[in-house]
Amino acid sequence: MKDSFLLAEVIQTPERLSGLRLSDWNLLIRQARYTGLLGKLYQLTLGLDISSDILEKIIPHLLSTQIIVNKQRDGLHCELVKLPPIFEDINIPLILLKGGAYYALGLPFSASRMLSDIDLLVPKQALPRVEAALAVQGWQSQSKDAYDEHYYREWMHEIPPLVHRKRKSVLDVHHTILPPTTKYNPDPEKIMAAAREVSPGIWTLCPEDLVIHSATHLFHDGELEHGLRDLVDIHELLQYFAENEAGFWARLVPRAIELDLLLPLYYGLHYAQAILNTAIPESVMQHVTQGAPNKMMRPLMDWLFLRALRSAHSSCDLFGSGFARWILYVRSHYLRMPLTLLIPHLLRKAWKRRFKDKAEAPNEFLGGAPTDREPLV
């Protein structure tokens, strides 16, 4: 294959993996590693007729990631046994978001998805009770900076992350799905009212809200190095609910309108279709396009996102890819808060990154990113 974006091709058509040469795999593994999709790549290989000579060389890279995913899933399972009684005692539903929700629902793609923390959604007025109940059970905030604490409490949609003092697992406790300073203002009570209990004491968002939240998270986030992984989430959610949830397509766009989140849903559907060839009914695309940017802005946003949502590996870069990611990083902060808050905040972040965080190692999968020169397989 000559297309540099090999990873997107094999996600669209997994059967193409059977015909790859070793040099193709060398490129593909790098692209998947850089965007956090090695686990997905491992799952795609299962059941395919791949040459034993090639399989012998690639399987250590793929299987090592799956071992990490399995360990993370075991840890999540352990926490989902311990957390429901805590929330039951304070009479607050345990509503999971993102990866935890996908696991609790048993969605097929969750078997290969990396997990870094457990995201929860609770009513804002219940935060003091939630924090107190979790603290008794060993969950503690790691925030040591008064500015960071104020930033989370006043401007964000979540409190500072909580880390268990023994197990070191991380909880991100949200009280809504977007910062209150953003242009969009989805009603968290509507979102929580539609949540479904999927097992005793464990709830998730309804199918439409899972898709809308995933799209909202991706297209308001400025850290797009792993943006393709989040777009794959949207692709997988759409495929699964289209097949398993009656009336899903008919409810999706009206729900986004109800929550004032039609624009991020448009982006999610548009780029899933453009990059991953996701099957979406034409009537749904026509309906969601009502929320698209104006005709002057659409080419610009396509230019930015079609670059930023590729794998961060250099083989996937197009002209202007780095600039596009930077512009979208600035955009994410602009969407998050007004300029009077944004400019001082970005200056502080730049200062902290320059002088306080230099000693911190990058958090890379599997112990760091490989060089572009040395062959992997």
Protein backbone atom coordinates (compact mmCIF):
# COMPACT_ATOMS: atom_id res chain seq x y z
CA MET A 1 0.00 0.00 0.00
CA LYS A 2 1.29 3.44 -0.89
CA ASP A 3 -1.07 5.58 1.19
CA SER A 4 0.84 6.91 4.17
CA PHE A 5 -2.28 6.71 6.38
CA LEU A 6 -2.21 2.92 6.45
CA LEU A 7 -3.85 2.71 9.88
CA ALA A 8 -7.10 4.29 8.70
CA GLU A 9 -7.22 1.91 5.75
CA VAL A 10 -7.00 -1.24 7.85
CA ILE A 11 -9.57 0.04 10.36
CA GLN A 12 -11.95 0.48 7.43
CA THR A 13 -11.06 -2.86 5.84
CA PRO A 14 -9.35 -5.27 8.30
CA GLU A 15 -9.06 -7.97 5.62
CA ARG A 16 -6.27 -5.93 4.02
CA LEU A 17 -4.02 -6.92 6.92
CA SER A 18 -3.65 -10.37 5.38
CA GLY A 19 -1.77 -8.99 2.38
CA LEU A 20 0.64 -6.67 4.15
CA ARG A 21 4.38 -7.03 3.74
CA LEU A 22 6.74 -6.80 6.71
CA SER A 23 7.67 -3.23 5.73
CA ASP A 24 3.97 -2.32 5.80
CA TRP A 25 3.64 -3.78 9.28
CA ASN A 26 6.68 -1.81 10.40
CA LEU A 27 4.89 1.40 9.40
CA LEU A 28 1.48 0.29 10.65
CA ILE A 29 2.67 -0.61 14.15
CA ARG A 30 4.34 2.79 14.49
CA GLN A 31 1.20 4.62 13.42
CA ALA A 32 -0.95 2.60 15.82
CA ARG A 33 1.48 3.05 18.71
CA TYR A 34 1.61 6.83 18.29
CA THR A 35 -2.16 7.16 18.50
CA GLY A 36 -2.87 4.55 21.19
CA LEU A 37 -4.44 1.98 18.86
CA LEU A 38 -2.10 -0.99 19.12
CA GLY A 39 -4.75 -2.86 21.09
CA LYS A 40 -7.24 -2.21 18.32
CA LEU A 41 -4.72 -3.47 15.78
CA TYR A 42 -4.27 -6.67 17.78
CA GLN A 43 -8.03 -7.29 17.79
CA LEU A 44 -8.21 -6.73 14.04
CA THR A 45 -5.62 -9.46 13.41
CA LEU A 46 -7.60 -12.14 15.24
CA GLY A 47 -9.00 -14.73 12.86
CA LEU A 48 -7.22 -13.35 9.81
CA ASP A 49 -4.96 -15.45 7.59
CA ILE A 50 -1.60 -13.78 8.19
CA SER A 51 1.69 -15.39 7.20
CA SER A 52 3.28 -17.23 10.11
CA ASP A 53 6.65 -15.62 9.33
CA ILE A 54 5.14 -12.15 9.66
CA LEU A 55 2.94 -13.08 12.60
CA GLU A 56 5.98 -14.29 14.53
CA LYS A 57 7.58 -10.86 14.21
CA ILE A 58 4.56 -8.63 14.84
CA ILE A 59 2.77 -10.50 17.61
CA PRO A 60 5.15 -9.45 20.45
CA HIS A 61 4.36 -5.78 19.74
CA LEU A 62 0.61 -6.37 19.57
CA LEU A 63 0.31 -8.88 22.38
CA SER A 64 2.32 -6.77 24.83
CA THR A 65 -0.22 -3.97 24.46
CA GLN A 66 -3.12 -6.39 24.88
CA ILE A 67 -1.56 -7.65 28.11
CA ILE A 68 -1.55 -4.06 29.41
CA VAL A 69 -5.17 -3.58 28.30
CA ASN A 70 -6.19 -6.78 30.09
CA LYS A 71 -4.47 -5.61 33.27
CA GLN A 72 -6.26 -2.27 33.05
CA ARG A 73 -9.58 -4.05 32.57
CA ASP A 74 -8.91 -6.23 35.61
CA GLY A 75 -8.23 -3.08 37.63
CA LEU A 76 -11.41 -1.46 36.35
CA HIS A 77 -13.42 -4.56 37.22
CA CYS A 78 -12.02 -4.46 40.74
CA GLU A 79 -13.03 -0.81 41.17
CA LEU A 80 -16.51 -1.45 39.76
CA VAL A 81 -17.01 -3.97 42.52
CA LYS A 82 -15.89 -1.53 45.24
CA LEU A 83 -17.49 1.71 44.02
CA PRO A 84 -21.24 0.87 43.84
CA PRO A 85 -21.66 0.31 47.62
CA ILE A 86 -20.05 3.72 48.28
CA PHE A 87 -22.56 5.45 46.00
CA GLU A 88 -25.45 3.37 47.28
CA ASP A 89 -24.70 4.52 50.83
CA ILE A 90 -25.07 8.17 49.81
CA ASN A 91 -28.02 7.46 47.48
CA ILE A 92 -26.34 8.77 44.33
CA PRO A 93 -26.24 6.74 41.10
CA LEU A 94 -22.79 5.65 39.89
CA ILE A 95 -22.87 6.91 36.28
CA LEU A 96 -19.85 5.89 34.20
CA LEU A 97 -18.51 7.86 31.25
CA LYS A 98 -16.24 6.95 28.31
CA GLY A 99 -14.05 3.84 28.70
CA GLY A 100 -15.61 2.68 31.95
CA ALA A 101 -19.06 2.88 30.37
CA TYR A 102 -17.95 0.96 27.29
CA TYR A 103 -16.59 -1.80 29.54
CA ALA A 104 -19.71 -1.92 31.72
CA LEU A 105 -21.88 -2.22 28.59
CA GLY A 106 -19.69 -5.02 27.25
CA LEU A 107 -19.11 -3.22 23.96
CA PRO A 108 -16.85 -5.36 21.75
CA PHE A 109 -14.25 -2.65 21.11
CA SER A 110 -13.72 -2.13 24.86
CA ALA A 111 -11.73 -5.39 24.86
CA SER A 112 -8.83 -3.62 23.13
CA ARG A 113 -9.22 -0.05 24.41
CA MET A 114 -6.61 1.52 26.67
CA LEU A 115 -7.88 2.93 29.99
CA SER A 116 -6.13 5.62 32.00
CA ASP A 117 -8.78 6.49 34.58
CA ILE A 118 -12.43 6.01 35.54
CA ASP A 119 -14.76 8.86 34.58
CA LEU A 120 -17.93 9.44 36.62
CA LEU A 121 -20.84 11.87 36.37
CA VAL A 122 -22.60 13.10 39.53
CA PRO A 123 -24.93 16.04 40.34
CA LYS A 124 -22.97 19.19 41.15
CA GLN A 125 -24.81 19.70 44.42
CA ALA A 126 -23.77 16.20 45.49
CA LEU A 127 -20.02 16.79 45.02
CA PRO A 128 -19.28 17.42 48.73
CA ARG A 129 -21.00 14.16 49.73
CA VAL A 130 -19.31 12.23 46.92
CA GLU A 131 -15.85 13.55 47.80
CA ALA A 132 -16.36 12.86 51.50
CA ALA A 133 -17.58 9.30 50.88
CA LEU A 134 -14.71 8.56 48.52
CA ALA A 135 -12.15 10.08 50.91
CA VAL A 136 -13.23 7.69 53.66
CA GLN A 137 -12.48 4.81 51.26
CA GLY A 138 -9.00 6.11 50.38
CA TRP A 139 -9.57 8.39 47.38
CA GLN A 140 -7.51 11.56 47.68
CA SER A 141 -6.94 14.60 45.49
CA GLN A 142 -3.40 15.00 44.21
CA SER A 143 -3.82 18.72 43.55
CA LYS A 144 -1.13 20.62 45.46
CA ASP A 145 -1.35 23.89 43.54
CA ALA A 146 -3.86 26.49 44.77
CA TYR A 147 -4.25 27.86 41.23
CA ASP A 148 -5.02 24.39 39.80
CA GLU A 149 -7.55 23.77 42.57
CA HIS A 150 -9.26 27.08 41.83
CA TYR A 151 -9.14 26.39 38.08
CA TYR A 152 -10.92 23.06 38.49
CA ARG A 153 -13.47 24.28 41.02
CA GLU A 154 -14.46 27.49 39.24
CA TRP A 155 -14.00 26.88 35.53
CA MET A 156 -14.02 23.17 34.85
CA HIS A 157 -16.67 20.48 34.49
CA GLU A 158 -14.85 18.17 36.92
CA ILE A 159 -13.00 18.28 40.21
CA PRO A 160 -9.25 17.54 40.46
CA PRO A 161 -8.50 13.83 39.84
CA LEU A 162 -8.78 11.53 42.83
CA VAL A 163 -6.14 8.81 43.32
CA HIS A 164 -6.59 5.82 45.63
CA ARG A 165 -3.84 5.84 48.22
CA LYS A 166 -3.19 2.09 47.93
CA ARG A 167 -4.37 0.92 44.52
CA LYS A 168 -3.29 4.11 42.69
CA SER A 169 -6.32 3.97 40.41
CA VAL A 170 -7.65 7.36 39.27
CA LEU A 171 -11.19 8.78 39.35
CA ASP A 172 -12.26 11.79 37.29
CA VAL A 173 -15.49 13.02 38.87
CA HIS A 174 -17.54 15.23 36.51
CA HIS A 175 -20.62 17.28 37.32
CA THR A 176 -21.37 18.07 33.67
CA ILE A 177 -19.76 17.26 30.33
CA LEU A 178 -18.42 20.70 29.35
CA PRO A 179 -16.88 23.53 31.37
CA PRO A 180 -19.54 26.06 32.49
CA THR A 181 -17.62 28.86 30.74
CA THR A 182 -18.12 27.36 27.25
CA LYS A 183 -20.54 28.63 24.62
CA TYR A 184 -22.55 25.42 24.80
CA ASN A 185 -24.58 24.63 27.87
CA PRO A 186 -25.89 21.04 27.91
CA ASP A 187 -28.18 20.41 30.87
CA PRO A 188 -26.49 17.75 33.03
CA GLU A 189 -29.82 16.91 34.68
CA LYS A 190 -31.25 15.88 31.30
CA ILE A 191 -28.20 13.73 30.65
CA MET A 192 -28.36 12.02 34.05
CA ALA A 193 -32.14 11.55 33.81
CA ALA A 194 -31.69 9.52 30.60
CA ALA A 195 -28.94 7.30 32.07
CA ARG A 196 -29.56 3.55 32.13
CA GLU A 197 -28.74 1.03 34.84
CA VAL A 198 -26.69 -1.65 33.08
CA SER A 199 -25.92 -3.81 36.12
CA PRO A 200 -26.81 -3.51 39.83
CA GLY A 201 -25.57 -0.13 41.04
CA ILE A 202 -23.84 0.81 37.77
CA TRP A 203 -25.26 3.25 35.23
CA THR A 204 -24.13 4.60 31.87
CA LEU A 205 -25.37 7.35 29.59
CA CYS A 206 -28.02 6.33 27.07
CA PRO A 207 -26.68 5.30 23.64
CA GLU A 208 -27.31 8.67 21.97
CA ASP A 209 -25.64 10.54 24.83
CA LEU A 210 -22.62 8.21 24.74
CA VAL A 211 -22.03 9.17 21.10
CA ILE A 212 -22.73 12.86 21.68
CA HIS A 213 -20.45 12.97 24.71
CA SER A 214 -17.64 11.21 22.84
CA ALA A 215 -17.91 13.71 19.98
CA THR A 216 -18.14 16.66 22.38
CA HIS A 217 -15.06 15.49 24.26
CA LEU A 218 -13.02 15.03 21.07
CA PHE A 219 -13.96 18.27 19.34
CA HIS A 220 -13.50 20.45 22.41
CA ASP A 221 -10.19 18.86 23.37
CA GLY A 222 -6.91 20.41 22.34
CA GLU A 223 -4.74 17.31 22.85
CA LEU A 224 -5.27 15.66 19.46
CA GLU A 225 -2.18 13.45 19.27
CA HIS A 226 -4.53 10.59 20.17
CA GLY A 227 -7.53 12.13 18.41
CA LEU A 228 -7.79 9.23 15.97
CA ARG A 229 -8.31 6.86 18.91
CA ASP A 230 -11.29 8.95 20.04
CA LEU A 231 -12.64 9.09 16.50
CA VAL A 232 -12.42 5.29 16.40
CA ASP A 233 -14.54 5.27 19.58
CA ILE A 234 -17.22 7.24 17.74
CA HIS A 235 -16.94 4.93 14.73
CA GLU A 236 -17.35 1.84 16.93
CA LEU A 237 -20.22 3.31 18.96
CA LEU A 238 -22.13 4.21 15.81
CA GLN A 239 -21.63 0.77 14.31
CA TYR A 240 -22.66 -1.02 17.48
CA PHE A 241 -25.79 1.01 18.29
CA ALA A 242 -26.92 1.04 14.65
CA GLU A 243 -27.06 -2.77 14.84
CA ASN A 244 -28.22 -3.26 18.42
CA GLU A 245 -30.34 -0.26 19.47
CA ALA A 246 -33.75 0.09 17.81
CA GLY A 247 -34.51 3.67 16.74
CA PHE A 248 -30.97 4.86 17.43
CA TRP A 249 -30.49 6.86 14.23
CA ALA A 250 -33.91 8.51 14.53
CA ARG A 251 -33.13 9.72 18.07
CA LEU A 252 -29.50 10.78 17.65
CA VAL A 253 -29.75 14.20 16.00
CA PRO A 254 -32.87 15.35 17.90
CA ARG A 255 -31.08 14.48 21.13
CA ALA A 256 -28.05 16.58 20.12
CA ILE A 257 -30.39 19.49 19.37
CA GLU A 258 -32.06 19.05 22.75
CA LEU A 259 -28.69 19.15 24.52
CA ASP A 260 -27.38 22.09 22.42
CA LEU A 261 -24.56 19.91 21.09
CA LEU A 262 -25.42 19.64 17.40
CA LEU A 263 -22.10 21.11 16.20
CA PRO A 264 -19.81 18.56 17.92
CA LEU A 265 -22.11 15.76 16.77
CA TYR A 266 -21.82 17.10 13.21
CA TYR A 267 -18.04 17.03 13.49
CA GLY A 268 -18.11 13.51 14.94
CA LEU A 269 -20.28 12.09 12.15
CA HIS A 270 -18.62 14.09 9.39
CA TYR A 271 -15.05 13.10 10.24
CA ALA A 272 -15.91 9.50 11.12
CA GLN A 273 -17.36 9.20 7.65
CA ALA A 274 -14.53 11.13 5.96
CA ILE A 275 -11.61 9.37 7.68
CA LEU A 276 -12.96 5.93 8.64
CA ASN A 277 -15.76 5.56 6.07
CA THR A 278 -18.32 5.00 8.84
CA ALA A 279 -21.70 3.92 7.49
CA ILE A 280 -24.20 6.69 8.39
CA PRO A 281 -27.65 7.04 6.78
CA GLU A 282 -27.84 9.92 4.32
CA SER A 283 -30.95 11.25 6.06
CA VAL A 284 -28.99 11.51 9.32
CA MET A 285 -26.13 13.37 7.62
CA GLN A 286 -28.57 15.80 6.02
CA HIS A 287 -30.23 16.40 9.38
CA VAL A 288 -27.00 16.88 11.35
CA THR A 289 -25.60 19.25 8.69
CA GLN A 290 -28.06 21.84 10.00
CA GLY A 291 -25.55 22.30 12.81
CA ALA A 292 -22.48 22.56 10.56
CA PRO A 293 -20.29 25.67 10.43
CA ASN A 294 -21.15 28.18 7.72
CA LYS A 295 -19.96 27.53 4.18
CA MET A 296 -16.94 29.80 4.59
CA MET A 297 -15.77 28.02 7.74
CA ARG A 298 -16.26 24.43 6.59
CA PRO A 299 -13.21 24.25 4.27
CA LEU A 300 -11.03 25.74 7.01
CA MET A 301 -12.25 23.28 9.64
CA ASP A 302 -11.77 20.40 7.20
CA TRP A 303 -8.22 21.56 6.50
CA LEU A 304 -7.50 21.60 10.24
CA PHE A 305 -9.23 18.44 11.42
CA LEU A 306 -8.30 16.24 8.46
CA ARG A 307 -4.68 16.91 9.43
CA ALA A 308 -4.99 16.86 13.21
CA LEU A 309 -6.99 13.62 13.36
CA ARG A 310 -4.37 11.52 11.58
CA SER A 311 -1.87 9.52 13.59
CA ALA A 312 0.78 11.75 15.15
CA HIS A 313 3.48 9.56 13.57
CA SER A 314 5.53 11.54 11.03
CA SER A 315 4.53 9.21 8.17
CA CYS A 316 0.96 10.51 8.44
CA ASP A 317 1.82 14.20 8.44
CA LEU A 318 0.49 16.40 5.67
CA PHE A 319 1.59 19.93 4.90
CA GLY A 320 0.63 22.01 7.93
CA SER A 321 -0.21 19.12 10.30
CA GLY A 322 1.74 20.60 13.21
CA PHE A 323 0.25 24.04 12.63
CA ALA A 324 -3.26 22.53 12.49
CA ARG A 325 -2.78 20.81 15.86
CA TRP A 326 -1.51 24.04 17.39
CA ILE A 327 -4.45 26.07 16.06
CA LEU A 328 -6.93 23.50 17.38
CA TYR A 329 -5.14 23.49 20.75
CA VAL A 330 -5.64 27.25 21.00
CA ARG A 331 -9.24 26.85 19.76
CA SER A 332 -9.99 24.32 22.51
CA HIS A 333 -8.97 26.82 25.16
CA TYR A 334 -10.89 29.62 23.46
CA LEU A 335 -14.01 27.41 23.50
CA ARG A 336 -13.40 26.61 27.15
CA MET A 337 -13.18 30.12 28.59
CA PRO A 338 -13.43 33.82 27.66
CA LEU A 339 -10.30 35.70 26.64
CA THR A 340 -10.09 37.52 29.98
CA LEU A 341 -9.51 34.14 31.61
CA LEU A 342 -7.83 32.40 28.68
CA ILE A 343 -4.81 34.66 28.17
CA PRO A 344 -3.60 34.61 31.81
CA HIS A 345 -4.28 30.87 31.98
CA LEU A 346 -2.25 30.06 28.86
CA LEU A 347 0.62 32.26 30.04
CA ARG A 348 0.66 30.44 33.36
CA LYS A 349 0.58 27.04 31.65
CA ALA A 350 3.46 28.05 29.38
CA TRP A 351 5.51 29.22 32.36
CA LYS A 352 4.77 26.05 34.33
CA ARG A 353 5.62 23.81 31.38
CA ARG A 354 8.87 25.69 30.79
CA PHE A 355 10.16 25.88 34.35
CA LYS A 356 8.29 23.43 36.60
CA ASP A 357 7.54 20.36 34.49
CA LYS A 358 10.88 19.88 32.70
CA ALA A 359 11.82 16.90 34.85
CA GLU A 360 8.60 14.97 34.16
CA ALA A 361 8.93 12.13 31.64
CA PRO A 362 6.34 11.90 28.84
CA ASN A 363 3.51 9.46 29.46
CA GLU A 364 3.94 7.19 26.44
CA PHE A 365 2.44 3.77 25.88
CA LEU A 366 4.84 0.86 26.31
CA GLY A 367 7.67 2.91 27.75
CA GLY A 368 8.04 5.59 25.09
CA ALA A 369 7.76 6.22 21.39
CA PRO A 370 10.21 4.48 19.04
CA THR A 371 12.43 6.40 16.67
CA ASP A 372 11.51 6.71 13.01
CA ARG A 373 14.73 5.11 11.84
CA GLU A 374 15.04 1.79 13.60
CA PRO A 375 12.85 -1.04 12.21
CA LEU A 376 10.38 -2.56 14.64
CA VAL A 377 9.77 -5.86 12.91
